[in-house]
Amino acid sequence: MNPSHLKETMAAESARASAAVGVDIGGANLKLADSSGASVACSFPMWSQAERLAQCLRTQFAALCQQTQRRYTRVAVTMTG
């Protein structure tokens, strides 16, 4: 393996391992987006399903991880709902 290819491979692996994700818990939707622009969203009426928030977050994080093949080590959350 040539040195430049090794450097690119290591940089790509580092980006996958330390990606950041933002979470928006809104009144009607739950949205996640990562630092590369990948995103997932689902309808989530907080006013009538608040008890399902943890499960919905797990499901959406799993979907984003599967889509991007990344592990997220940094998370920022905003709650507008």
N, C-alpha and C. Protein backbone atom coordinates (compact mmCIF):
# COMPACT_ATOMS: atom_id res chain seq x y z
N MET A 1 0.85 -1.17 0.00
CA MET A 1 0.00 0.00 0.00
C MET A 1 0.90 1.24 0.00
N ASN A 2 0.61 2.17 -0.91
CA ASN A 2 1.45 3.36 -0.95
C ASN A 2 1.08 4.32 0.18
N PRO A 3 2.03 5.17 0.59
CA PRO A 3 1.80 6.05 1.74
C PRO A 3 0.60 6.98 1.60
N SER A 4 0.34 7.52 0.40
CA SER A 4 -0.79 8.44 0.26
C SER A 4 -2.12 7.69 0.40
N HIS A 5 -2.19 6.48 -0.10
CA HIS A 5 -3.41 5.68 0.05
C HIS A 5 -3.64 5.33 1.52
N LEU A 6 -2.57 4.99 2.22
CA LEU A 6 -2.67 4.68 3.64
C LEU A 6 -3.18 5.89 4.41
N LYS A 7 -2.66 7.07 4.09
CA LYS A 7 -3.08 8.30 4.76
C LYS A 7 -4.57 8.57 4.50
N GLU A 8 -5.02 8.39 3.26
CA GLU A 8 -6.43 8.59 2.92
C GLU A 8 -7.31 7.59 3.64
N THR A 9 -6.88 6.35 3.71
CA THR A 9 -7.64 5.31 4.39
C THR A 9 -7.76 5.62 5.88
N MET A 10 -6.66 6.04 6.49
CA MET A 10 -6.68 6.37 7.91
C MET A 10 -7.55 7.59 8.18
N ALA A 11 -7.53 8.58 7.30
CA ALA A 11 -8.37 9.77 7.47
C ALA A 11 -9.84 9.42 7.35
N ALA A 12 -10.17 8.56 6.39
CA ALA A 12 -11.56 8.15 6.21
C ALA A 12 -12.05 7.37 7.43
N GLU A 13 -11.21 6.48 7.94
CA GLU A 13 -11.59 5.70 9.13
C GLU A 13 -11.75 6.62 10.34
N SER A 14 -10.89 7.59 10.47
CA SER A 14 -10.98 8.54 11.58
C SER A 14 -12.28 9.34 11.49
N ALA A 15 -12.66 9.77 10.29
CA ALA A 15 -13.90 10.52 10.11
C ALA A 15 -15.11 9.66 10.47
N ARG A 16 -15.08 8.39 10.09
CA ARG A 16 -16.19 7.49 10.42
C ARG A 16 -16.28 7.28 11.93
N ALA A 17 -15.14 7.21 12.59
CA ALA A 17 -15.11 6.90 14.01
C ALA A 17 -15.46 8.09 14.89
N SER A 18 -15.29 9.31 14.39
CA SER A 18 -15.50 10.47 15.26
C SER A 18 -16.54 11.44 14.72
N ALA A 19 -17.46 10.96 13.94
CA ALA A 19 -18.47 11.82 13.35
C ALA A 19 -19.39 12.39 14.42
N ALA A 20 -19.90 13.57 14.14
CA ALA A 20 -20.85 14.23 15.04
C ALA A 20 -22.24 14.13 14.45
N VAL A 21 -23.23 14.09 15.33
CA VAL A 21 -24.62 14.04 14.89
C VAL A 21 -25.42 15.07 15.68
N GLY A 22 -26.32 15.74 14.98
CA GLY A 22 -27.22 16.68 15.63
C GLY A 22 -28.61 16.09 15.66
N VAL A 23 -29.31 16.30 16.76
CA VAL A 23 -30.65 15.76 16.95
C VAL A 23 -31.60 16.93 17.22
N ASP A 24 -32.69 16.98 16.48
CA ASP A 24 -33.73 17.98 16.70
C ASP A 24 -35.00 17.25 17.13
N ILE A 25 -35.37 17.43 18.38
CA ILE A 25 -36.61 16.85 18.90
C ILE A 25 -37.64 17.95 18.82
N GLY A 26 -38.45 17.90 17.79
CA GLY A 26 -39.45 18.94 17.58
C GLY A 26 -40.81 18.51 18.11
N GLY A 27 -41.77 19.35 17.94
CA GLY A 27 -43.11 19.04 18.41
C GLY A 27 -43.80 17.97 17.58
N ALA A 28 -43.45 17.89 16.29
CA ALA A 28 -44.12 16.95 15.41
C ALA A 28 -43.17 16.02 14.68
N ASN A 29 -41.86 16.31 14.71
CA ASN A 29 -40.88 15.51 13.98
C ASN A 29 -39.62 15.31 14.81
N LEU A 30 -38.93 14.21 14.52
CA LEU A 30 -37.64 13.89 15.11
C LEU A 30 -36.66 13.82 13.96
N LYS A 31 -35.57 14.62 14.01
CA LYS A 31 -34.63 14.68 12.91
C LYS A 31 -33.21 14.50 13.42
N LEU A 32 -32.41 13.75 12.68
CA LEU A 32 -31.00 13.58 12.98
C LEU A 32 -30.22 13.88 11.71
N ALA A 33 -29.10 14.59 11.86
CA ALA A 33 -28.23 14.88 10.72
C ALA A 33 -26.79 14.82 11.20
N ASP A 34 -25.91 14.28 10.37
CA ASP A 34 -24.52 14.21 10.80
C ASP A 34 -23.67 15.26 10.10
N SER A 35 -22.40 15.30 10.49
CA SER A 35 -21.51 16.34 10.00
C SER A 35 -21.16 16.21 8.53
N SER A 36 -21.53 15.09 7.90
CA SER A 36 -21.29 14.95 6.46
C SER A 36 -22.53 15.30 5.64
N GLY A 37 -23.66 15.56 6.32
CA GLY A 37 -24.89 15.92 5.62
C GLY A 37 -25.90 14.79 5.53
N ALA A 38 -25.55 13.60 6.00
CA ALA A 38 -26.52 12.49 6.00
C ALA A 38 -27.59 12.79 7.04
N SER A 39 -28.82 12.36 6.76
CA SER A 39 -29.90 12.65 7.71
C SER A 39 -31.00 11.61 7.65
N VAL A 40 -31.76 11.54 8.73
CA VAL A 40 -32.97 10.74 8.82
C VAL A 40 -34.00 11.57 9.57
N ALA A 41 -35.25 11.31 9.32
CA ALA A 41 -36.33 12.04 10.00
C ALA A 41 -37.56 11.15 10.05
N CYS A 42 -38.39 11.40 11.05
CA CYS A 42 -39.65 10.69 11.14
C CYS A 42 -40.67 11.57 11.84
N SER A 43 -41.90 11.28 11.59
CA SER A 43 -42.98 11.96 12.27
C SER A 43 -42.97 11.51 13.72
N PHE A 44 -43.04 12.46 14.63
CA PHE A 44 -43.07 12.12 16.05
C PHE A 44 -43.86 13.19 16.80
N PRO A 45 -45.16 12.98 16.97
CA PRO A 45 -45.99 13.96 17.68
C PRO A 45 -45.73 13.89 19.19
N MET A 46 -44.80 14.72 19.64
CA MET A 46 -44.37 14.71 21.04
C MET A 46 -45.53 14.85 22.01
N TRP A 47 -46.51 15.68 21.67
CA TRP A 47 -47.63 15.93 22.58
C TRP A 47 -48.47 14.70 22.87
N SER A 48 -48.43 13.72 21.98
CA SER A 48 -49.26 12.53 22.22
C SER A 48 -48.45 11.25 22.40
N GLN A 49 -47.11 11.32 22.20
CA GLN A 49 -46.30 10.10 22.29
C GLN A 49 -45.00 10.30 23.05
N ALA A 50 -44.96 11.21 23.98
CA ALA A 50 -43.72 11.52 24.71
C ALA A 50 -43.06 10.28 25.31
N GLU A 51 -43.85 9.33 25.75
CA GLU A 51 -43.30 8.12 26.37
C GLU A 51 -42.53 7.24 25.38
N ARG A 52 -42.69 7.48 24.10
CA ARG A 52 -41.99 6.71 23.07
C ARG A 52 -40.70 7.37 22.60
N LEU A 53 -40.33 8.51 23.19
CA LEU A 53 -39.17 9.26 22.73
C LEU A 53 -37.89 8.43 22.72
N ALA A 54 -37.58 7.75 23.81
CA ALA A 54 -36.34 6.97 23.88
C ALA A 54 -36.28 5.91 22.78
N GLN A 55 -37.36 5.19 22.57
CA GLN A 55 -37.38 4.15 21.53
C GLN A 55 -37.24 4.77 20.14
N CYS A 56 -37.90 5.87 19.89
CA CYS A 56 -37.78 6.53 18.58
C CYS A 56 -36.37 7.02 18.33
N LEU A 57 -35.72 7.56 19.36
CA LEU A 57 -34.33 8.00 19.22
C LEU A 57 -33.42 6.82 18.88
N ARG A 58 -33.59 5.70 19.59
CA ARG A 58 -32.79 4.50 19.30
C ARG A 58 -32.98 4.04 17.85
N THR A 59 -34.23 4.03 17.41
CA THR A 59 -34.54 3.57 16.05
C THR A 59 -33.91 4.49 15.01
N GLN A 60 -34.01 5.79 15.22
CA GLN A 60 -33.46 6.74 14.25
C GLN A 60 -31.93 6.74 14.26
N PHE A 61 -31.31 6.62 15.44
CA PHE A 61 -29.85 6.51 15.50
C PHE A 61 -29.39 5.26 14.77
N ALA A 62 -30.08 4.15 14.96
CA ALA A 62 -29.72 2.91 14.27
C ALA A 62 -29.85 3.07 12.76
N ALA A 63 -30.89 3.75 12.32
CA ALA A 63 -31.09 3.97 10.88
C ALA A 63 -29.96 4.83 10.31
N LEU A 64 -29.57 5.88 11.04
CA LEU A 64 -28.50 6.75 10.55
C LEU A 64 -27.17 6.00 10.53
N CYS A 65 -26.90 5.23 11.57
CA CYS A 65 -25.66 4.44 11.61
C CYS A 65 -25.60 3.43 10.47
N GLN A 66 -26.71 2.80 10.18
CA GLN A 66 -26.75 1.84 9.08
C GLN A 66 -26.55 2.55 7.75
N GLN A 67 -27.17 3.70 7.58
CA GLN A 67 -27.07 4.46 6.33
C GLN A 67 -25.63 4.93 6.08
N THR A 68 -24.96 5.37 7.13
CA THR A 68 -23.65 6.00 6.97
C THR A 68 -22.48 5.08 7.27
N GLN A 69 -22.74 3.96 7.96
CA GLN A 69 -21.68 3.06 8.42
C GLN A 69 -20.70 3.80 9.34
N ARG A 70 -21.24 4.66 10.20
CA ARG A 70 -20.43 5.44 11.13
C ARG A 70 -20.81 5.14 12.57
N ARG A 71 -19.83 5.39 13.45
CA ARG A 71 -20.07 5.40 14.89
C ARG A 71 -20.02 6.86 15.30
N TYR A 72 -20.99 7.30 16.05
CA TYR A 72 -21.05 8.70 16.45
C TYR A 72 -20.53 8.85 17.87
N THR A 73 -19.53 9.73 18.03
CA THR A 73 -18.93 9.95 19.33
C THR A 73 -19.29 11.31 19.90
N ARG A 74 -19.91 12.15 19.09
CA ARG A 74 -20.33 13.47 19.56
C ARG A 74 -21.78 13.71 19.14
N VAL A 75 -22.58 14.18 20.09
CA VAL A 75 -24.01 14.41 19.83
C VAL A 75 -24.39 15.79 20.37
N ALA A 76 -25.13 16.53 19.55
CA ALA A 76 -25.71 17.81 19.99
C ALA A 76 -27.21 17.68 19.85
N VAL A 77 -27.94 18.13 20.86
CA VAL A 77 -29.40 17.96 20.88
C VAL A 77 -30.08 19.31 21.09
N THR A 78 -31.14 19.54 20.33
CA THR A 78 -32.00 20.68 20.57
C THR A 78 -33.43 20.15 20.68
N MET A 79 -34.18 20.75 21.56
CA MET A 79 -35.57 20.33 21.74
C MET A 79 -36.45 21.56 21.58
N THR A 80 -37.22 21.57 20.49
CA THR A 80 -38.06 22.72 20.19
C THR A 80 -39.53 22.42 20.40
N GLY A 81 -39.84 21.17 20.69
CA GLY A 81 -41.24 20.76 20.83
C GLY A 81 -41.77 20.92 22.23
